[in-house]
Amino acid sequence: MAFEGKFLFVVRMDVSPEKEGVFNEVYDTEHVEDILKVPGVLSAARYRTEEFEVMLGGEKKRISPAGEPSYLTVYELESADVLTGEGWAEAVEGGRWPSEVRPHTYNRRHRLYRRLQS
């Protein structure tokens, strides 16, 4: 998969365990779908962290995600300006996200990355 956008907006967070079901339902069926309708948003993908093993410096190392947010969403954007536009502002405040999900999230981290190569 080749990225076409010039920016990646990365959102990481945790959610209270008792709200995990509604978190995933709303994220998958409403929130991401609303954001994908915003002009300049090219794609979105969600992930959940996992413990893993990797070879580093000739040794197999086990990497634990302890302390890191459990959920990650990556949005591919044409421009950083998408994040301050009216479409984005409306999308992130739509549906059940602001009232039923956002109050139960924590350990939130937001980062914007600019692509270095074309």
N, C-alpha and C. Protein backbone atom coordinates (compact mmCIF):
# COMPACT_ATOMS: atom_id res chain seq x y z
N MET A 1 0.83 -1.18 0.00
CA MET A 1 0.00 0.00 0.00
C MET A 1 0.87 1.24 0.00
N ALA A 2 0.69 2.09 -0.95
CA ALA A 2 1.45 3.34 -1.03
C ALA A 2 0.61 4.48 -0.50
N PHE A 3 1.22 5.29 0.35
CA PHE A 3 0.53 6.46 0.85
C PHE A 3 0.58 7.55 -0.20
N GLU A 4 -0.55 8.21 -0.43
CA GLU A 4 -0.63 9.30 -1.39
C GLU A 4 -0.61 10.65 -0.70
N GLY A 5 -1.05 10.71 0.54
CA GLY A 5 -1.14 11.97 1.27
C GLY A 5 0.22 12.45 1.72
N LYS A 6 0.29 13.73 2.00
CA LYS A 6 1.53 14.33 2.46
C LYS A 6 1.68 14.28 3.97
N PHE A 7 0.58 13.96 4.66
CA PHE A 7 0.59 13.94 6.12
C PHE A 7 -0.11 12.71 6.67
N LEU A 8 0.35 12.27 7.85
CA LEU A 8 -0.34 11.26 8.62
C LEU A 8 -0.68 11.90 9.97
N PHE A 9 -1.93 11.80 10.35
CA PHE A 9 -2.39 12.24 11.66
C PHE A 9 -2.61 10.97 12.47
N VAL A 10 -1.91 10.85 13.59
CA VAL A 10 -1.92 9.65 14.40
C VAL A 10 -2.57 9.95 15.74
N VAL A 11 -3.56 9.17 16.08
CA VAL A 11 -4.28 9.32 17.34
C VAL A 11 -4.14 8.03 18.13
N ARG A 12 -3.68 8.15 19.38
CA ARG A 12 -3.55 6.97 20.24
C ARG A 12 -4.30 7.25 21.54
N MET A 13 -4.95 6.21 22.08
CA MET A 13 -5.69 6.39 23.32
C MET A 13 -6.04 5.06 23.95
N ASP A 14 -6.47 5.17 25.20
CA ASP A 14 -7.05 4.05 25.93
C ASP A 14 -8.50 4.39 26.20
N VAL A 15 -9.27 3.37 26.57
CA VAL A 15 -10.68 3.56 26.91
C VAL A 15 -10.97 2.74 28.16
N SER A 16 -11.86 3.25 28.99
CA SER A 16 -12.27 2.51 30.18
C SER A 16 -12.78 1.13 29.76
N PRO A 17 -12.34 0.07 30.43
CA PRO A 17 -12.73 -1.29 30.03
C PRO A 17 -14.23 -1.49 29.89
N GLU A 18 -15.02 -0.89 30.74
CA GLU A 18 -16.48 -1.09 30.66
C GLU A 18 -17.10 -0.40 29.45
N LYS A 19 -16.35 0.46 28.77
CA LYS A 19 -16.86 1.18 27.59
C LYS A 19 -16.19 0.73 26.30
N GLU A 20 -15.37 -0.32 26.37
CA GLU A 20 -14.63 -0.78 25.20
C GLU A 20 -15.54 -1.22 24.06
N GLY A 21 -16.65 -1.86 24.36
CA GLY A 21 -17.57 -2.31 23.33
C GLY A 21 -18.17 -1.16 22.55
N VAL A 22 -18.69 -0.15 23.26
CA VAL A 22 -19.28 1.01 22.58
C VAL A 22 -18.19 1.82 21.88
N PHE A 23 -17.01 1.90 22.47
CA PHE A 23 -15.87 2.59 21.85
C PHE A 23 -15.60 2.03 20.45
N ASN A 24 -15.43 0.70 20.37
CA ASN A 24 -15.13 0.07 19.08
C ASN A 24 -16.30 0.17 18.11
N GLU A 25 -17.51 -0.01 18.61
CA GLU A 25 -18.69 0.09 17.73
C GLU A 25 -18.80 1.49 17.12
N VAL A 26 -18.74 2.51 17.96
CA VAL A 26 -18.88 3.89 17.47
C VAL A 26 -17.70 4.27 16.58
N TYR A 27 -16.50 3.88 16.98
CA TYR A 27 -15.32 4.21 16.17
C TYR A 27 -15.45 3.62 14.76
N ASP A 28 -15.86 2.34 14.69
CA ASP A 28 -15.92 1.65 13.41
C ASP A 28 -17.14 2.01 12.55
N THR A 29 -18.27 2.29 13.18
CA THR A 29 -19.49 2.49 12.39
C THR A 29 -19.89 3.95 12.23
N GLU A 30 -19.32 4.84 13.02
CA GLU A 30 -19.69 6.26 12.93
C GLU A 30 -18.48 7.17 12.77
N HIS A 31 -17.61 7.15 13.77
CA HIS A 31 -16.55 8.15 13.85
C HIS A 31 -15.62 8.16 12.63
N VAL A 32 -15.04 7.03 12.33
CA VAL A 32 -14.14 6.96 11.17
C VAL A 32 -14.90 7.25 9.88
N GLU A 33 -16.09 6.72 9.77
CA GLU A 33 -16.90 6.96 8.56
C GLU A 33 -17.17 8.45 8.36
N ASP A 34 -17.47 9.17 9.45
CA ASP A 34 -17.70 10.62 9.35
C ASP A 34 -16.43 11.36 8.94
N ILE A 35 -15.32 10.97 9.51
CA ILE A 35 -14.06 11.64 9.19
C ILE A 35 -13.64 11.35 7.76
N LEU A 36 -13.91 10.16 7.25
CA LEU A 36 -13.55 9.84 5.86
C LEU A 36 -14.33 10.68 4.85
N LYS A 37 -15.42 11.30 5.27
CA LYS A 37 -16.20 12.18 4.38
C LYS A 37 -15.62 13.58 4.31
N VAL A 38 -14.67 13.91 5.18
CA VAL A 38 -14.08 15.24 5.22
C VAL A 38 -13.16 15.41 4.01
N PRO A 39 -13.33 16.49 3.25
CA PRO A 39 -12.42 16.74 2.13
C PRO A 39 -10.97 16.80 2.61
N GLY A 40 -10.11 16.07 1.91
CA GLY A 40 -8.69 16.04 2.25
C GLY A 40 -8.28 14.86 3.11
N VAL A 41 -9.25 14.09 3.62
CA VAL A 41 -8.93 12.86 4.35
C VAL A 41 -8.96 11.74 3.32
N LEU A 42 -7.83 11.09 3.13
CA LEU A 42 -7.69 10.08 2.07
C LEU A 42 -7.97 8.66 2.55
N SER A 43 -7.60 8.35 3.78
CA SER A 43 -7.82 7.00 4.30
C SER A 43 -7.70 7.02 5.81
N ALA A 44 -8.13 5.93 6.41
CA ALA A 44 -8.03 5.76 7.86
C ALA A 44 -7.89 4.28 8.16
N ALA A 45 -7.14 3.97 9.20
CA ALA A 45 -6.98 2.58 9.64
C ALA A 45 -6.82 2.56 11.15
N ARG A 46 -7.43 1.56 11.78
CA ARG A 46 -7.37 1.41 13.24
C ARG A 46 -6.56 0.17 13.61
N TYR A 47 -5.88 0.27 14.76
CA TYR A 47 -5.05 -0.83 15.24
C TYR A 47 -5.12 -0.91 16.76
N ARG A 48 -4.79 -2.07 17.28
CA ARG A 48 -4.65 -2.27 18.72
C ARG A 48 -3.25 -2.82 18.97
N THR A 49 -2.59 -2.32 19.98
CA THR A 49 -1.21 -2.71 20.25
C THR A 49 -1.12 -4.16 20.73
N GLU A 50 0.01 -4.77 20.46
CA GLU A 50 0.28 -6.14 20.88
C GLU A 50 1.72 -6.26 21.34
N GLU A 51 1.95 -7.17 22.24
CA GLU A 51 3.31 -7.53 22.62
C GLU A 51 3.92 -8.30 21.45
N PHE A 52 5.23 -8.17 21.24
CA PHE A 52 5.85 -8.86 20.11
C PHE A 52 7.32 -9.13 20.38
N GLU A 53 7.91 -9.95 19.52
CA GLU A 53 9.34 -10.23 19.56
C GLU A 53 9.97 -9.72 18.28
N VAL A 54 11.22 -9.24 18.41
CA VAL A 54 11.93 -8.71 17.26
C VAL A 54 13.43 -8.94 17.45
N MET A 55 14.12 -9.15 16.35
CA MET A 55 15.58 -9.30 16.41
C MET A 55 16.20 -7.90 16.37
N LEU A 56 16.97 -7.58 17.40
CA LEU A 56 17.68 -6.29 17.49
C LEU A 56 19.10 -6.54 17.98
N GLY A 57 20.07 -6.08 17.25
CA GLY A 57 21.45 -6.25 17.67
C GLY A 57 21.85 -7.69 17.85
N GLY A 58 21.30 -8.58 17.03
CA GLY A 58 21.64 -9.99 17.10
C GLY A 58 20.92 -10.76 18.21
N GLU A 59 20.00 -10.11 18.92
CA GLU A 59 19.27 -10.78 19.99
C GLU A 59 17.77 -10.66 19.76
N LYS A 60 17.06 -11.72 20.16
CA LYS A 60 15.60 -11.66 20.12
C LYS A 60 15.13 -10.93 21.37
N LYS A 61 14.35 -9.87 21.17
CA LYS A 61 13.85 -9.09 22.30
C LYS A 61 12.33 -9.09 22.29
N ARG A 62 11.78 -9.17 23.49
CA ARG A 62 10.33 -9.11 23.65
C ARG A 62 9.97 -7.67 24.00
N ILE A 63 9.06 -7.09 23.24
CA ILE A 63 8.66 -5.71 23.43
C ILE A 63 7.24 -5.69 23.98
N SER A 64 7.07 -5.04 25.11
CA SER A 64 5.77 -4.94 25.75
C SER A 64 5.21 -3.53 25.56
N PRO A 65 3.92 -3.41 25.29
CA PRO A 65 3.32 -2.09 25.11
C PRO A 65 2.90 -1.43 26.43
N ALA A 66 3.35 -1.97 27.56
CA ALA A 66 2.93 -1.46 28.87
C ALA A 66 3.13 0.06 28.94
N GLY A 67 2.10 0.75 29.38
CA GLY A 67 2.15 2.20 29.53
C GLY A 67 1.80 2.98 28.28
N GLU A 68 1.81 2.31 27.15
CA GLU A 68 1.46 2.96 25.88
C GLU A 68 -0.04 2.85 25.66
N PRO A 69 -0.63 3.81 24.95
CA PRO A 69 -2.06 3.70 24.63
C PRO A 69 -2.34 2.41 23.84
N SER A 70 -3.48 1.80 24.11
CA SER A 70 -3.83 0.52 23.48
C SER A 70 -4.31 0.64 22.04
N TYR A 71 -4.98 1.74 21.73
CA TYR A 71 -5.58 1.91 20.40
C TYR A 71 -4.87 2.99 19.61
N LEU A 72 -4.77 2.75 18.31
CA LEU A 72 -4.14 3.70 17.39
C LEU A 72 -5.01 3.83 16.15
N THR A 73 -5.20 5.06 15.70
CA THR A 73 -5.86 5.31 14.42
C THR A 73 -4.95 6.21 13.62
N VAL A 74 -4.76 5.87 12.34
CA VAL A 74 -3.93 6.64 11.44
C VAL A 74 -4.82 7.19 10.34
N TYR A 75 -4.77 8.50 10.17
CA TYR A 75 -5.52 9.18 9.10
C TYR A 75 -4.52 9.72 8.10
N GLU A 76 -4.71 9.40 6.84
CA GLU A 76 -3.87 9.92 5.77
C GLU A 76 -4.52 11.19 5.24
N LEU A 77 -3.77 12.29 5.23
CA LEU A 77 -4.31 13.60 4.86
C LEU A 77 -3.56 14.22 3.68
N GLU A 78 -4.30 14.97 2.88
CA GLU A 78 -3.68 15.73 1.80
C GLU A 78 -2.88 16.91 2.35
N SER A 79 -3.38 17.50 3.44
CA SER A 79 -2.79 18.72 3.99
C SER A 79 -3.02 18.76 5.49
N ALA A 80 -2.14 19.42 6.21
CA ALA A 80 -2.33 19.62 7.64
C ALA A 80 -3.52 20.52 7.92
N ASP A 81 -3.87 21.36 6.96
CA ASP A 81 -5.01 22.28 7.12
C ASP A 81 -6.34 21.55 7.29
N VAL A 82 -6.40 20.31 6.89
CA VAL A 82 -7.63 19.51 7.05
C VAL A 82 -8.06 19.52 8.52
N LEU A 83 -7.09 19.46 9.43
CA LEU A 83 -7.37 19.34 10.86
C LEU A 83 -8.00 20.59 11.47
N THR A 84 -7.90 21.72 10.79
CA THR A 84 -8.49 22.95 11.32
C THR A 84 -9.67 23.43 10.48
N GLY A 85 -10.07 22.64 9.52
CA GLY A 85 -11.18 23.00 8.65
C GLY A 85 -12.54 22.73 9.27
N GLU A 86 -13.54 23.33 8.70
CA GLU A 86 -14.92 23.17 9.18
C GLU A 86 -15.39 21.72 9.11
N GLY A 87 -15.03 21.03 8.03
CA GLY A 87 -15.45 19.64 7.88
C GLY A 87 -14.93 18.76 8.99
N TRP A 88 -13.66 18.93 9.34
CA TRP A 88 -13.06 18.15 10.43
C TRP A 88 -13.75 18.49 11.75
N ALA A 89 -13.93 19.78 12.01
CA ALA A 89 -14.55 20.23 13.26
C ALA A 89 -15.94 19.62 13.44
N GLU A 90 -16.70 19.55 12.37
CA GLU A 90 -18.04 18.96 12.44
C GLU A 90 -17.97 17.45 12.62
N ALA A 91 -17.07 16.80 11.91
CA ALA A 91 -16.97 15.34 11.96
C ALA A 91 -16.59 14.84 13.35
N VAL A 92 -15.65 15.50 14.00
CA VAL A 92 -15.19 15.00 15.30
C VAL A 92 -16.19 15.29 16.42
N GLU A 93 -17.19 16.11 16.15
CA GLU A 93 -18.22 16.40 17.15
C GLU A 93 -19.56 15.73 16.80
N GLY A 94 -19.56 14.90 15.77
CA GLY A 94 -20.80 14.27 15.33
C GLY A 94 -21.09 12.96 16.03
N GLY A 95 -22.31 12.51 15.89
CA GLY A 95 -22.73 11.19 16.39
C GLY A 95 -22.60 11.04 17.89
N ARG A 96 -22.37 9.80 18.29
CA ARG A 96 -22.28 9.47 19.72
C ARG A 96 -20.89 9.69 20.31
N TRP A 97 -19.91 9.98 19.45
CA TRP A 97 -18.52 10.10 19.92
C TRP A 97 -18.36 11.10 21.07
N PRO A 98 -18.81 12.35 20.94
CA PRO A 98 -18.55 13.32 22.01
C PRO A 98 -19.22 13.00 23.34
N SER A 99 -20.39 12.39 23.31
CA SER A 99 -21.11 12.15 24.57
C SER A 99 -20.92 10.75 25.15
N GLU A 100 -20.86 9.73 24.30
CA GLU A 100 -20.82 8.36 24.79
C GLU A 100 -19.42 7.73 24.81
N VAL A 101 -18.48 8.33 24.07
CA VAL A 101 -17.16 7.71 23.97
C VAL A 101 -16.05 8.60 24.53
N ARG A 102 -15.91 9.80 24.00
CA ARG A 102 -14.78 10.67 24.38
C ARG A 102 -14.62 10.80 25.90
N PRO A 103 -15.70 10.96 26.69
CA PRO A 103 -15.51 11.10 28.14
C PRO A 103 -14.87 9.88 28.81
N HIS A 104 -14.86 8.75 28.13
CA HIS A 104 -14.34 7.51 28.71
C HIS A 104 -12.96 7.15 28.16
N THR A 105 -12.37 8.07 27.38
CA THR A 105 -11.02 7.84 26.85
C THR A 105 -10.01 8.58 27.71
N TYR A 106 -8.78 8.09 27.69
CA TYR A 106 -7.69 8.72 28.45
C TYR A 106 -6.36 8.31 27.82
N ASN A 107 -5.28 8.87 28.34
CA ASN A 107 -3.95 8.57 27.79
C ASN A 107 -3.91 8.89 26.30
N ARG A 108 -4.57 9.99 25.94
CA ARG A 108 -4.71 10.38 24.53
C ARG A 108 -3.44 11.07 24.04
N ARG A 109 -3.06 10.72 22.82
CA ARG A 109 -1.89 11.33 22.19
C ARG A 109 -2.23 11.60 20.73
N HIS A 110 -1.93 12.78 20.27
CA HIS A 110 -2.17 13.18 18.88
C HIS A 110 -0.84 13.65 18.28
N ARG A 111 -0.53 13.16 17.09
CA ARG A 111 0.71 13.56 16.40
C ARG A 111 0.42 13.72 14.92
N LEU A 112 1.11 14.68 14.33
CA LEU A 112 1.04 14.91 12.89
C LEU A 112 2.42 14.66 12.31
N TYR A 113 2.48 13.89 11.24
CA TYR A 113 3.74 13.56 10.57
C TYR A 113 3.69 14.01 9.13
N ARG A 114 4.73 14.68 8.68
CA ARG A 114 4.84 15.12 7.29
C ARG A 114 5.71 14.10 6.54
N ARG A 115 5.24 13.69 5.37
CA ARG A 115 6.01 12.74 4.57
C ARG A 115 7.30 13.38 4.09
N LEU A 116 8.39 12.64 4.17
CA LEU A 116 9.70 13.16 3.78
C LEU A 116 10.04 12.92 2.32
N GLN A 117 9.48 11.89 1.75
CA GLN A 117 9.78 11.56 0.33
C GLN A 117 8.51 11.65 -0.49
N SER A 118 8.68 11.83 -1.79
CA SER A 118 7.48 11.91 -2.64
C SER A 118 7.24 10.64 -3.40
